[in-house]
C-alpha atoms as a PDB file:
ATOM      1  CA  MET A   1      72.874 133.889  33.983  1.00  0.00           C
ATOM      2  CA  LYS A   2      73.880 130.662  35.249  1.00  0.00           C
ATOM      3  CA  ILE A   3      71.797 129.331  38.420  1.00  0.00           C
ATOM      4  CA  ILE A   4      73.950 126.633  40.217  1.00  0.00           C
ATOM      5  CA  ASP A   5      72.624 124.404  43.177  1.00  0.00           C
ATOM      6  CA  GLY A   6      75.103 124.178  45.704  1.00  0.00           C
ATOM      7  CA  LYS A   7      73.497 120.869  47.255  1.00  0.00           C
ATOM      8  CA  ASN A   8      76.253 117.906  46.930  1.00  0.00           C
ATOM      9  CA  ALA A   9      78.906 120.357  45.358  1.00  0.00           C
ATOM     10  CA  VAL A  10      82.449 120.180  46.080  1.00  0.00           C
ATOM     11  CA  LEU A  11      83.538 123.605  47.205  1.00  0.00           C
ATOM     12  CA  GLY A  12      86.850 123.813  45.404  1.00  0.00           C
ATOM     13  CA  ARG A  13      85.294 122.630  42.229  1.00  0.00           C
ATOM     14  CA  LEU A  14      82.356 124.786  42.413  1.00  0.00           C
ATOM     15  CA  ALA A  15      84.562 127.820  43.150  1.00  0.00           C
ATOM     16  CA  SER A  16      86.809 127.175  40.196  1.00  0.00           C
ATOM     17  CA  TYR A  17      83.774 126.681  37.776  1.00  0.00           C
ATOM     18  CA  ALA A  18      82.003 129.805  39.114  1.00  0.00           C
ATOM     19  CA  SER A  19      85.331 132.127  38.838  1.00  0.00           C
ATOM     20  CA  LYS A  20      86.094 130.763  34.931  1.00  0.00           C
ATOM     21  CA  GLU A  21      82.380 131.523  33.956  1.00  0.00           C
ATOM     22  CA  ALA A  22      82.386 135.010  35.868  1.00  0.00           C
ATOM     23  CA  LEU A  23      85.651 135.874  34.193  1.00  0.00           C
ATOM     24  CA  LYS A  24      83.925 134.959  30.953  1.00  0.00           C
ATOM     25  CA  GLY A  25      81.350 137.650  31.509  1.00  0.00           C
ATOM     26  CA  GLU A  26      78.603 135.314  32.750  1.00  0.00           C
ATOM     27  CA  GLU A  27      76.332 136.141  35.920  1.00  0.00           C
ATOM     28  CA  ILE A  28      76.547 133.393  38.585  1.00  0.00           C
ATOM     29  CA  VAL A  29      73.675 132.531  41.151  1.00  0.00           C
ATOM     30  CA  ILE A  30      74.795 129.927  43.749  1.00  0.00           C
ATOM     31  CA  LEU A  31      71.948 128.693  45.844  1.00  0.00           C
ATOM     32  CA  ASN A  32      72.045 126.405  48.814  1.00  0.00           C
ATOM     33  CA  CYS A  33      75.554 127.439  49.988  1.00  0.00           C
ATOM     34  CA  GLU A  34      74.913 125.945  53.523  1.00  0.00           C
ATOM     35  CA  GLU A  35      74.755 122.521  51.639  1.00  0.00           C
ATOM     36  CA  VAL A  36      78.340 122.526  49.718  1.00  0.00           C
ATOM     37  CA  ILE A  37      80.716 119.891  50.539  1.00  0.00           C
ATOM     38  CA  ILE A  38      84.121 120.239  51.850  1.00  0.00           C
ATOM     39  CA  THR A  39      85.920 117.117  51.382  1.00  0.00           C
ATOM     40  CA  GLY A  40      88.950 115.727  53.628  1.00  0.00           C
ATOM     41  CA  ASN A  41      89.263 114.726  57.173  1.00  0.00           C
ATOM     42  CA  LYS A  42      86.682 116.617  59.424  1.00  0.00           C
ATOM     43  CA  LYS A  43      89.085 117.206  62.362  1.00  0.00           C
ATOM     44  CA  ASN A  44      91.622 118.877  60.305  1.00  0.00           C
ATOM     45  CA  ILE A  45      89.054 121.035  58.575  1.00  0.00           C
ATOM     46  CA  GLU A  46      87.647 122.120  61.900  1.00  0.00           C
ATOM     47  CA  LYS A  47      91.162 122.611  63.534  1.00  0.00           C
ATOM     48  CA  ASN A  48      91.776 124.954  60.441  1.00  0.00           C
ATOM     49  CA  PHE A  49      88.623 126.981  60.691  1.00  0.00           C
ATOM     50  CA  GLU A  50      89.183 127.555  64.519  1.00  0.00           C
ATOM     51  CA  GLU A  51      92.844 128.570  64.058  1.00  0.00           C
ATOM     52  CA  LYS A  52      91.707 131.346  61.563  1.00  0.00           C
ATOM     53  CA  ALA A  53      88.573 132.294  62.997  1.00  0.00           C
ATOM     54  CA  GLY A  54      90.210 132.987  66.821  1.00  0.00           C
ATOM     55  CA  ARG A  55      88.523 132.543  70.164  1.00  0.00           C
ATOM     56  CA  PHE A  56      85.941 135.357  69.756  1.00  0.00           C
ATOM     57  CA  GLY A  57      85.285 135.394  65.994  1.00  0.00           C
ATOM     58  CA  HIS A  58      88.316 137.509  65.359  1.00  0.00           C
ATOM     59  CA  SER A  59      91.401 136.604  64.164  1.00  0.00           C
ATOM     60  CA  GLN A  60      94.707 136.410  66.297  1.00  0.00           C
ATOM     61  CA  LYS A  61      96.949 135.559  62.999  1.00  0.00           C
ATOM     62  CA  GLY A  62      96.256 134.982  59.338  1.00  0.00           C
ATOM     63  CA  PRO A  63      92.715 135.958  57.676  1.00  0.00           C
ATOM     64  CA  ARG A  64      89.517 135.582  59.387  1.00  0.00           C
ATOM     65  CA  HIS A  65      86.544 133.261  58.303  1.00  0.00           C
ATOM     66  CA  HIS A  66      83.213 134.361  58.145  1.00  0.00           C
ATOM     67  CA  ASN A  67      80.082 133.077  59.957  1.00  0.00           C
ATOM     68  CA  THR A  68      77.680 132.677  57.288  1.00  0.00           C
ATOM     69  CA  SER A  69      77.956 129.878  54.662  1.00  0.00           C
ATOM     70  CA  GLU A  70      77.227 132.309  51.344  1.00  0.00           C
ATOM     71  CA  LYS A  71      80.144 134.481  52.657  1.00  0.00           C
ATOM     72  CA  ILE A  72      82.532 131.278  53.027  1.00  0.00           C
ATOM     73  CA  VAL A  73      81.555 130.058  49.324  1.00  0.00           C
ATOM     74  CA  LYS A  74      81.982 133.706  47.931  1.00  0.00           C
ATOM     75  CA  MET A  75      85.404 134.135  49.569  1.00  0.00           C
ATOM     76  CA  THR A  76      86.698 130.830  48.143  1.00  0.00           C
ATOM     77  CA  ILE A  77      85.509 132.085  44.786  1.00  0.00           C
ATOM     78  CA  ARG A  78      87.349 135.343  45.233  1.00  0.00           C
ATOM     79  CA  GLY A  79      90.426 133.287  45.907  1.00  0.00           C
ATOM     80  CA  MET A  80      90.490 131.944  42.580  1.00  0.00           C
ATOM     81  CA  ILE A  81      89.826 135.344  40.712  1.00  0.00           C
ATOM     82  CA  PRO A  82      92.985 136.917  39.589  1.00  0.00           C
ATOM     83  CA  ASN A  83      93.408 140.643  40.855  1.00  0.00           C
ATOM     84  CA  TYR A  84      89.740 140.800  42.154  1.00  0.00           C
ATOM     85  CA  ARG A  85      90.627 144.417  43.417  1.00  0.00           C
ATOM     86  CA  GLU A  86      90.897 145.838  39.984  1.00  0.00           C
ATOM     87  CA  GLY A  87      89.784 145.811  36.430  1.00  0.00           C
ATOM     88  CA  ARG A  88      88.475 142.477  34.879  1.00  0.00           C
ATOM     89  CA  GLY A  89      88.782 140.507  38.164  1.00  0.00           C
ATOM     90  CA  ARG A  90      86.498 142.882  40.130  1.00  0.00           C
ATOM     91  CA  GLU A  91      83.808 142.831  37.318  1.00  0.00           C
ATOM     92  CA  ALA A  92      83.949 139.341  37.532  1.00  0.00           C
ATOM     93  CA  PHE A  93      83.741 139.201  41.378  1.00  0.00           C
ATOM     94  CA  LYS A  94      80.538 141.646  41.268  1.00  0.00           C
ATOM     95  CA  LYS A  95      78.696 139.221  39.038  1.00  0.00           C
ATOM     96  CA  ILE A  96      78.867 136.529  41.608  1.00  0.00           C
ATOM     97  CA  LYS A  97      75.862 136.215  43.906  1.00  0.00           C
ATOM     98  CA  CYS A  98      75.416 133.631  46.601  1.00  0.00           C
ATOM     99  CA  TYR A  99      72.390 132.631  48.903  1.00  0.00           C
ATOM    100  CA  TYR A 100      71.581 130.548  51.824  1.00  0.00           C
ATOM    101  CA  GLY A 101      68.684 128.506  50.638  1.00  0.00           C
ATOM    102  CA  VAL A 102      66.684 129.209  47.655  1.00  0.00           C
ATOM    103  CA  PRO A 103      65.108 132.696  47.182  1.00  0.00           C
ATOM    104  CA  LYS A 104      61.410 132.733  45.740  1.00  0.00           C
ATOM    105  CA  GLU A 105      62.890 134.379  42.737  1.00  0.00           C
ATOM    106  CA  PHE A 106      64.921 131.056  41.606  1.00  0.00           C
ATOM    107  CA  GLU A 107      62.329 128.565  42.845  1.00  0.00           C
ATOM    108  CA  SER A 108      61.092 127.578  39.408  1.00  0.00           C
ATOM    109  CA  ALA A 109      64.330 128.458  37.283  1.00  0.00           C
ATOM    110  CA  LYS A 110      66.286 125.800  35.778  1.00  0.00           C
ATOM    111  CA  LYS A 111      69.509 125.194  37.783  1.00  0.00           C
ATOM    112  CA  ILE A 112      72.791 123.297  37.231  1.00  0.00           C
ATOM    113  CA  THR A 113      73.026 120.355  40.000  1.00  0.00           C
ATOM    114  CA  THR A 114      75.635 117.785  40.790  1.00  0.00           C
ATOM    115  CA  LYS A 115      75.431 114.083  41.597  1.00  0.00           C
ATOM    116  CA  GLU A 116      75.421 112.703  44.853  1.00  0.00           C
ATOM    117  CA  LYS A 117      78.794 112.386  46.480  1.00  0.00           C
ATOM    118  CA  LYS A 118      79.949 109.477  48.296  1.00  0.00           C
ATOM    119  CA  GLY A 119      82.689 109.078  50.696  1.00  0.00           C
ATOM    120  CA  LYS A 120      84.250 111.433  53.581  1.00  0.00           C
ATOM    121  CA  PHE A 121      83.015 115.059  53.481  1.00  0.00           C
ATOM    122  CA  SER A 122      81.459 117.729  55.602  1.00  0.00           C
ATOM    123  CA  ARG A 123      79.264 120.425  55.065  1.00  0.00           C
ATOM    124  CA  VAL A 124      79.982 123.742  55.128  1.00  0.00           C
ATOM    125  CA  LYS A 125      77.065 124.766  57.818  1.00  0.00           C
ATOM    126  CA  GLU A 126      78.809 122.265  60.209  1.00  0.00           C
ATOM    127  CA  PHE A 127      81.538 124.700  60.399  1.00  0.00           C
ATOM    128  CA  LEU A 128      79.566 127.825  61.447  1.00  0.00           C
ATOM    129  CA  LYS A 129      79.628 128.880  65.068  1.00  0.00           C
END
């Protein structure tokens, strides 16, 4: 089992790493999903979230975004797993667990961390309603 601390982790890189490890058969636990970073222009990211979420939290067009940070992270990972609905992809997707904060069972466990990110970025929690 690999335990990843999502604090200061870039969302796309975290998702690709987690999906590759899950496809290899490894169980993945991602902690602090609210602290995951989305790089890029904040206005463009906000616009994208608002367009897809719709006015009342449901979609007018296109896919809908979830209202919790752990679901946003998990759905990003799902997008990087081929055939997540059947066979090997389904098994890999079941092995990924995402958490808000750090549950008591993982407080003393060894975690994979990333370095502090510099530059323009936003955290996932900033786009939740």
